Amino acid sequence: MAMTLRLSDDEAEALRRRAEYEDRSMQDVARQAIREYVDNHSRADLLDQVLDEELPRYSEALERLGR
């Protein structure tokens, strides 16, 4: 799927410099950044979901441990 990504002049320049520094294309750097963002946020969302579901079960034990 193709898409257009609009960047400010500063963002485009920063991306260009980073791509040049890594000897990669701007597209490769942007795609990697998007993958890392999605992966990191997906893990954090999953952890939040597990904690929301499981923490109440152990609340009494956790409270005792905190004393």
N, C-alpha and C. Protein backbone atom coordinates (compact mmCIF):
# COMPACT_ATOMS: atom_id res chain seq x y z
N MET A 1 0.85 -1.18 0.00
CA MET A 1 0.00 0.00 0.00
C MET A 1 0.89 1.24 0.00
N ALA A 2 0.64 2.11 -0.89
CA ALA A 2 1.41 3.34 -0.98
C ALA A 2 0.72 4.42 -0.18
N MET A 3 1.54 5.34 0.34
CA MET A 3 0.98 6.48 1.06
C MET A 3 1.91 7.66 0.90
N THR A 4 1.39 8.82 1.14
CA THR A 4 2.18 10.04 1.10
C THR A 4 2.37 10.51 2.53
N LEU A 5 3.60 10.81 2.87
CA LEU A 5 3.92 11.30 4.20
C LEU A 5 4.38 12.75 4.05
N ARG A 6 3.66 13.65 4.67
CA ARG A 6 4.02 15.06 4.59
C ARG A 6 4.82 15.43 5.83
N LEU A 7 6.00 15.96 5.61
CA LEU A 7 6.88 16.37 6.70
C LEU A 7 7.13 17.86 6.61
N SER A 8 7.38 18.46 7.76
CA SER A 8 7.81 19.85 7.74
C SER A 8 9.21 19.91 7.15
N ASP A 9 9.65 21.10 6.81
CA ASP A 9 11.00 21.25 6.28
C ASP A 9 12.04 20.74 7.27
N ASP A 10 11.85 21.05 8.54
CA ASP A 10 12.79 20.60 9.57
C ASP A 10 12.80 19.08 9.71
N GLU A 11 11.62 18.47 9.68
CA GLU A 11 11.53 17.01 9.78
C GLU A 11 12.18 16.34 8.58
N ALA A 12 11.92 16.86 7.40
CA ALA A 12 12.50 16.30 6.18
C ALA A 12 14.02 16.42 6.21
N GLU A 13 14.52 17.54 6.66
CA GLU A 13 15.97 17.74 6.74
C GLU A 13 16.59 16.80 7.77
N ALA A 14 15.95 16.63 8.91
CA ALA A 14 16.47 15.70 9.93
C ALA A 14 16.47 14.28 9.40
N LEU A 15 15.43 13.90 8.70
CA LEU A 15 15.36 12.57 8.11
C LEU A 15 16.44 12.39 7.05
N ARG A 16 16.62 13.40 6.23
CA ARG A 16 17.65 13.34 5.19
C ARG A 16 19.04 13.17 5.81
N ARG A 17 19.32 13.95 6.85
CA ARG A 17 20.64 13.86 7.52
C ARG A 17 20.84 12.48 8.13
N ARG A 18 19.78 11.95 8.79
CA ARG A 18 19.89 10.64 9.42
C ARG A 18 20.12 9.55 8.38
N ALA A 19 19.38 9.61 7.29
CA ALA A 19 19.54 8.63 6.22
C ALA A 19 20.94 8.70 5.62
N GLU A 20 21.41 9.91 5.42
CA GLU A 20 22.76 10.10 4.88
C GLU A 20 23.80 9.53 5.84
N TYR A 21 23.64 9.81 7.12
CA TYR A 21 24.57 9.33 8.15
C TYR A 21 24.63 7.80 8.17
N GLU A 22 23.45 7.16 7.99
CA GLU A 22 23.38 5.70 8.02
C GLU A 22 23.60 5.07 6.65
N ASP A 23 23.81 5.89 5.65
CA ASP A 23 23.98 5.43 4.27
C ASP A 23 22.80 4.57 3.83
N ARG A 24 21.60 5.09 4.12
CA ARG A 24 20.36 4.40 3.78
C ARG A 24 19.44 5.41 3.12
N SER A 25 18.36 4.91 2.55
CA SER A 25 17.39 5.83 1.95
C SER A 25 16.52 6.43 3.05
N MET A 26 15.96 7.58 2.75
CA MET A 26 15.03 8.22 3.68
C MET A 26 13.84 7.31 3.93
N GLN A 27 13.39 6.63 2.88
CA GLN A 27 12.26 5.72 3.01
C GLN A 27 12.58 4.58 3.98
N ASP A 28 13.77 3.99 3.86
CA ASP A 28 14.16 2.90 4.77
C ASP A 28 14.19 3.37 6.22
N VAL A 29 14.73 4.54 6.46
CA VAL A 29 14.81 5.07 7.83
C VAL A 29 13.41 5.34 8.37
N ALA A 30 12.55 5.93 7.56
CA ALA A 30 11.18 6.23 8.00
C ALA A 30 10.40 4.94 8.26
N ARG A 31 10.54 3.95 7.39
CA ARG A 31 9.83 2.68 7.59
C ARG A 31 10.29 1.98 8.86
N GLN A 32 11.59 2.00 9.12
CA GLN A 32 12.10 1.38 10.35
C GLN A 32 11.56 2.10 11.58
N ALA A 33 11.53 3.42 11.52
CA ALA A 33 11.01 4.20 12.65
C ALA A 33 9.55 3.86 12.91
N ILE A 34 8.77 3.69 11.86
CA ILE A 34 7.36 3.35 12.01
C ILE A 34 7.22 1.96 12.61
N ARG A 35 8.01 0.99 12.12
CA ARG A 35 7.96 -0.37 12.68
C ARG A 35 8.29 -0.37 14.16
N GLU A 36 9.36 0.35 14.54
CA GLU A 36 9.76 0.42 15.95
C GLU A 36 8.68 1.07 16.80
N TYR A 37 8.06 2.12 16.30
CA TYR A 37 6.99 2.80 17.03
C TYR A 37 5.82 1.85 17.27
N VAL A 38 5.39 1.17 16.23
CA VAL A 38 4.26 0.25 16.35
C VAL A 38 4.60 -0.89 17.30
N ASP A 39 5.79 -1.48 17.16
CA ASP A 39 6.21 -2.58 18.04
C ASP A 39 6.24 -2.13 19.49
N ASN A 40 6.85 -1.00 19.77
CA ASN A 40 6.97 -0.52 21.14
C ASN A 40 5.62 -0.21 21.75
N HIS A 41 4.75 0.43 21.00
CA HIS A 41 3.44 0.78 21.53
C HIS A 41 2.54 -0.45 21.65
N SER A 42 2.69 -1.40 20.77
CA SER A 42 1.91 -2.63 20.86
C SER A 42 2.26 -3.39 22.13
N ARG A 43 3.56 -3.48 22.45
CA ARG A 43 4.00 -4.16 23.68
C ARG A 43 3.48 -3.43 24.91
N ALA A 44 3.58 -2.12 24.91
CA ALA A 44 3.12 -1.33 26.06
C ALA A 44 1.61 -1.49 26.25
N ASP A 45 0.86 -1.49 25.16
CA ASP A 45 -0.59 -1.67 25.24
C ASP A 45 -0.93 -3.04 25.79
N LEU A 46 -0.22 -4.07 25.33
CA LEU A 46 -0.46 -5.42 25.81
C LEU A 46 -0.15 -5.53 27.30
N LEU A 47 0.97 -4.94 27.72
CA LEU A 47 1.33 -4.96 29.14
C LEU A 47 0.27 -4.25 29.98
N ASP A 48 -0.19 -3.10 29.51
CA ASP A 48 -1.25 -2.38 30.23
C ASP A 48 -2.51 -3.23 30.35
N GLN A 49 -2.86 -3.92 29.28
CA GLN A 49 -4.05 -4.77 29.29
C GLN A 49 -3.90 -5.90 30.30
N VAL A 50 -2.74 -6.56 30.29
CA VAL A 50 -2.50 -7.67 31.22
C VAL A 50 -2.54 -7.16 32.66
N LEU A 51 -1.90 -6.03 32.91
CA LEU A 51 -1.90 -5.48 34.27
C LEU A 51 -3.31 -5.12 34.72
N ASP A 52 -4.08 -4.51 33.83
CA ASP A 52 -5.46 -4.15 34.18
C ASP A 52 -6.30 -5.38 34.51
N GLU A 53 -6.05 -6.47 33.80
CA GLU A 53 -6.84 -7.68 34.01
C GLU A 53 -6.35 -8.52 35.19
N GLU A 54 -5.04 -8.57 35.41
CA GLU A 54 -4.48 -9.49 36.40
C GLU A 54 -4.16 -8.85 37.74
N LEU A 55 -3.86 -7.58 37.76
CA LEU A 55 -3.47 -6.92 39.01
C LEU A 55 -4.53 -7.02 40.11
N PRO A 56 -5.80 -6.83 39.78
CA PRO A 56 -6.79 -6.94 40.85
C PRO A 56 -6.76 -8.29 41.58
N ARG A 57 -6.44 -9.34 40.85
CA ARG A 57 -6.39 -10.67 41.45
C ARG A 57 -5.33 -10.75 42.55
N TYR A 58 -4.25 -10.01 42.37
CA TYR A 58 -3.13 -10.08 43.30
C TYR A 58 -3.01 -8.84 44.18
N SER A 59 -4.03 -8.02 44.22
CA SER A 59 -3.94 -6.76 44.93
C SER A 59 -3.64 -6.94 46.41
N GLU A 60 -4.27 -7.92 47.05
CA GLU A 60 -4.04 -8.14 48.47
C GLU A 60 -2.59 -8.56 48.73
N ALA A 61 -2.08 -9.45 47.93
CA ALA A 61 -0.69 -9.90 48.11
C ALA A 61 0.28 -8.75 47.85
N LEU A 62 0.01 -7.96 46.84
CA LEU A 62 0.88 -6.83 46.54
C LEU A 62 0.85 -5.79 47.65
N GLU A 63 -0.34 -5.60 48.21
CA GLU A 63 -0.46 -4.65 49.33
C GLU A 63 0.38 -5.13 50.52
N ARG A 64 0.33 -6.41 50.83
CA ARG A 64 1.13 -6.95 51.93
C ARG A 64 2.62 -6.85 51.66
N LEU A 65 3.01 -7.08 50.43
CA LEU A 65 4.43 -6.96 50.07
C LEU A 65 4.91 -5.53 50.21
N GLY A 66 4.03 -4.57 50.00
CA GLY A 66 4.39 -3.17 50.07
C GLY A 66 4.57 -2.65 51.48
N ARG A 67 4.18 -3.42 52.46
CA ARG A 67 4.30 -2.98 53.84
C ARG A 67 5.69 -3.19 54.38
